[in-house]
Amino acid sequence: MTSVGVLDHVTLDVGDLTASRRFHAAAPAALDAGEFSSDGAFACGPKGSQDLWIRQGPASAPVHIALVAPSRDPGLRPRYHPSCCNAFVLDPDGHNIEAVDHGAASE
């Protein structure tokens, strides 16, 4: 049986699209992701996907979004659970963007 996720994508409204695009341009490389642009917005996510959309608008209250990390390099954080590896950054609008790998269930 194939596992199906609940979410398809998330959109964040940001106050300064140019500043946000510069900031998020570093994330695709760190997450082994690509970038896609359309109609004044851009998306990033694993190659071939468009999981996180960023668009100009009244900046929403800061949110926390966790993206799947392509490796376990972010750093072990056993306080969350024994095999959790993650790292966080705050974007220009204060959104908490996390890269996370939960490891194998047997770890």
C-alpha atoms as a PDB file:
ATOM      1  CA  MET A   1       0.000   0.000   0.000  1.00  0.00           C
ATOM      2  CA  THR A   2       1.336   3.443  -0.909  1.00  0.00           C
ATOM      3  CA  SER A   3       1.377   6.069   1.821  1.00  0.00           C
ATOM      4  CA  VAL A   4      -0.437   9.283   0.874  1.00  0.00           C
ATOM      5  CA  GLY A   5       0.324  12.567   2.628  1.00  0.00           C
ATOM      6  CA  VAL A   6      -2.333  14.921   3.885  1.00  0.00           C
ATOM      7  CA  LEU A   7      -0.880  18.117   2.373  1.00  0.00           C
ATOM      8  CA  ASP A   8      -0.026  18.810  -1.244  1.00  0.00           C
ATOM      9  CA  HIS A   9       1.583  22.250  -0.785  1.00  0.00           C
ATOM     10  CA  VAL A  10       1.711  25.291   1.489  1.00  0.00           C
ATOM     11  CA  THR A  11       1.658  28.973   0.436  1.00  0.00           C
ATOM     12  CA  LEU A  12       3.256  31.747   2.487  1.00  0.00           C
ATOM     13  CA  ASP A  13       2.450  35.407   1.903  1.00  0.00           C
ATOM     14  CA  VAL A  14       5.515  37.600   2.412  1.00  0.00           C
ATOM     15  CA  GLY A  15       6.011  41.338   2.731  1.00  0.00           C
ATOM     16  CA  ASP A  16       8.983  41.572   0.345  1.00  0.00           C
ATOM     17  CA  LEU A  17       9.024  38.929  -2.385  1.00  0.00           C
ATOM     18  CA  THR A  18      12.493  39.926  -3.655  1.00  0.00           C
ATOM     19  CA  ALA A  19      14.105  39.608  -0.202  1.00  0.00           C
ATOM     20  CA  SER A  20      12.258  36.386   0.465  1.00  0.00           C
ATOM     21  CA  ARG A  21      13.301  34.907  -2.885  1.00  0.00           C
ATOM     22  CA  ARG A  22      16.971  35.700  -2.145  1.00  0.00           C
ATOM     23  CA  PHE A  23      16.660  34.049   1.263  1.00  0.00           C
ATOM     24  CA  HIS A  24      14.830  30.948   0.026  1.00  0.00           C
ATOM     25  CA  ALA A  25      17.216  30.543  -2.943  1.00  0.00           C
ATOM     26  CA  ALA A  26      19.691  28.978  -0.486  1.00  0.00           C
ATOM     27  CA  ALA A  27      17.123  26.453   0.766  1.00  0.00           C
ATOM     28  CA  PRO A  28      16.671  24.486  -2.483  1.00  0.00           C
ATOM     29  CA  ALA A  29      20.393  23.637  -2.566  1.00  0.00           C
ATOM     30  CA  ALA A  30      20.379  22.591   1.094  1.00  0.00           C
ATOM     31  CA  LEU A  31      17.239  20.492   0.611  1.00  0.00           C
ATOM     32  CA  ASP A  32      18.251  19.001  -2.763  1.00  0.00           C
ATOM     33  CA  ALA A  33      15.312  20.891  -4.236  1.00  0.00           C
ATOM     34  CA  GLY A  34      14.423  22.833  -7.334  1.00  0.00           C
ATOM     35  CA  GLU A  35      12.601  26.127  -7.824  1.00  0.00           C
ATOM     36  CA  PHE A  36       9.598  26.930 -10.010  1.00  0.00           C
ATOM     37  CA  SER A  37       8.224  30.409 -10.827  1.00  0.00           C
ATOM     38  CA  SER A  38       4.743  31.389 -11.935  1.00  0.00           C
ATOM     39  CA  ASP A  39       2.598  34.539 -11.877  1.00  0.00           C
ATOM     40  CA  GLY A  40       4.757  36.583  -9.469  1.00  0.00           C
ATOM     41  CA  ALA A  41       5.245  33.737  -7.009  1.00  0.00           C
ATOM     42  CA  PHE A  42       7.822  31.008  -6.644  1.00  0.00           C
ATOM     43  CA  ALA A  43       7.840  27.509  -5.238  1.00  0.00           C
ATOM     44  CA  CYS A  44      10.526  25.269  -3.865  1.00  0.00           C
ATOM     45  CA  GLY A  45      10.560  21.659  -2.840  1.00  0.00           C
ATOM     46  CA  PRO A  46      12.136  18.345  -3.760  1.00  0.00           C
ATOM     47  CA  LYS A  47      13.032  18.196  -7.452  1.00  0.00           C
ATOM     48  CA  GLY A  48       9.872  17.825  -9.514  1.00  0.00           C
ATOM     49  CA  SER A  49       7.574  19.113  -6.778  1.00  0.00           C
ATOM     50  CA  GLN A  50       6.254  22.493  -5.707  1.00  0.00           C
ATOM     51  CA  ASP A  51       5.672  21.954  -1.985  1.00  0.00           C
ATOM     52  CA  LEU A  52       6.304  25.455  -0.633  1.00  0.00           C
ATOM     53  CA  TRP A  53       4.906  28.471  -2.516  1.00  0.00           C
ATOM     54  CA  ILE A  54       6.035  32.013  -1.654  1.00  0.00           C
ATOM     55  CA  ARG A  55       4.044  34.996  -2.928  1.00  0.00           C
ATOM     56  CA  GLN A  56       3.819  38.739  -2.358  1.00  0.00           C
ATOM     57  CA  GLY A  57       1.036  39.822  -0.049  1.00  0.00           C
ATOM     58  CA  PRO A  58       0.374  41.061   3.431  1.00  0.00           C
ATOM     59  CA  ALA A  59       2.803  38.936   5.425  1.00  0.00           C
ATOM     60  CA  SER A  60       0.973  36.343   7.468  1.00  0.00           C
ATOM     61  CA  ALA A  61       1.774  35.760  11.103  1.00  0.00           C
ATOM     62  CA  PRO A  62       4.938  33.638  11.341  1.00  0.00           C
ATOM     63  CA  VAL A  63       4.330  29.922  10.860  1.00  0.00           C
ATOM     64  CA  HIS A  64       6.445  26.790  11.263  1.00  0.00           C
ATOM     65  CA  ILE A  65       6.845  24.570   8.209  1.00  0.00           C
ATOM     66  CA  ALA A  66       8.892  21.359   8.215  1.00  0.00           C
ATOM     67  CA  LEU A  67      10.301  20.144   4.889  1.00  0.00           C
ATOM     68  CA  VAL A  68      11.785  16.685   4.369  1.00  0.00           C
ATOM     69  CA  ALA A  69      15.592  16.823   4.509  1.00  0.00           C
ATOM     70  CA  PRO A  70      17.443  14.871   1.790  1.00  0.00           C
ATOM     71  CA  SER A  71      19.910  13.463   4.349  1.00  0.00           C
ATOM     72  CA  ARG A  72      20.542  13.184   8.057  1.00  0.00           C
ATOM     73  CA  ASP A  73      23.125  16.008   7.954  1.00  0.00           C
ATOM     74  CA  PRO A  74      20.981  18.666   9.764  1.00  0.00           C
ATOM     75  CA  GLY A  75      21.934  17.390  13.225  1.00  0.00           C
ATOM     76  CA  LEU A  76      20.673  14.829  15.722  1.00  0.00           C
ATOM     77  CA  ARG A  77      18.028  16.229  18.104  1.00  0.00           C
ATOM     78  CA  PRO A  78      17.164  13.359  20.492  1.00  0.00           C
ATOM     79  CA  ARG A  79      15.069  15.672  22.680  1.00  0.00           C
ATOM     80  CA  TYR A  80      12.329  15.336  20.001  1.00  0.00           C
ATOM     81  CA  HIS A  81      12.824  11.574  19.586  1.00  0.00           C
ATOM     82  CA  PRO A  82      15.924   9.334  19.464  1.00  0.00           C
ATOM     83  CA  SER A  83      16.426   9.392  15.661  1.00  0.00           C
ATOM     84  CA  CYS A  84      15.289  12.956  14.816  1.00  0.00           C
ATOM     85  CA  CYS A  85      17.693  15.084  12.744  1.00  0.00           C
ATOM     86  CA  ASN A  86      16.629  18.661  11.997  1.00  0.00           C
ATOM     87  CA  ALA A  87      17.674  22.265  11.537  1.00  0.00           C
ATOM     88  CA  PHE A  88      15.695  25.523  11.599  1.00  0.00           C
ATOM     89  CA  VAL A  89      16.046  28.945   9.949  1.00  0.00           C
ATOM     90  CA  LEU A  90      13.870  32.049  10.229  1.00  0.00           C
ATOM     91  CA  ASP A  91      13.049  33.748   6.917  1.00  0.00           C
ATOM     92  CA  PRO A  92      12.792  37.554   6.508  1.00  0.00           C
ATOM     93  CA  ASP A  93       9.136  37.504   7.667  1.00  0.00           C
ATOM     94  CA  GLY A  94       9.882  35.347  10.726  1.00  0.00           C
ATOM     95  CA  HIS A  95       8.564  32.061   9.293  1.00  0.00           C
ATOM     96  CA  ASN A  96      10.318  29.096  10.938  1.00  0.00           C
ATOM     97  CA  ILE A  97      11.458  26.791   8.115  1.00  0.00           C
ATOM     98  CA  GLU A  98      12.697  23.389   9.265  1.00  0.00           C
ATOM     99  CA  ALA A  99      14.535  20.613   7.416  1.00  0.00           C
ATOM    100  CA  VAL A 100      13.831  17.288   9.138  1.00  0.00           C
ATOM    101  CA  ASP A 101      14.633  13.590   8.795  1.00  0.00           C
ATOM    102  CA  HIS A 102      12.939  11.312  11.331  1.00  0.00           C
ATOM    103  CA  GLY A 103      15.162   8.297  10.597  1.00  0.00           C
ATOM    104  CA  ALA A 104      14.067   4.700  10.356  1.00  0.00           C
ATOM    105  CA  ALA A 105      11.271   3.533  12.616  1.00  0.00           C
ATOM    106  CA  SER A 106      13.585   0.897  14.109  1.00  0.00           C
ATOM    107  CA  GLU A 107      16.270   3.424  15.176  1.00  0.00           C
END
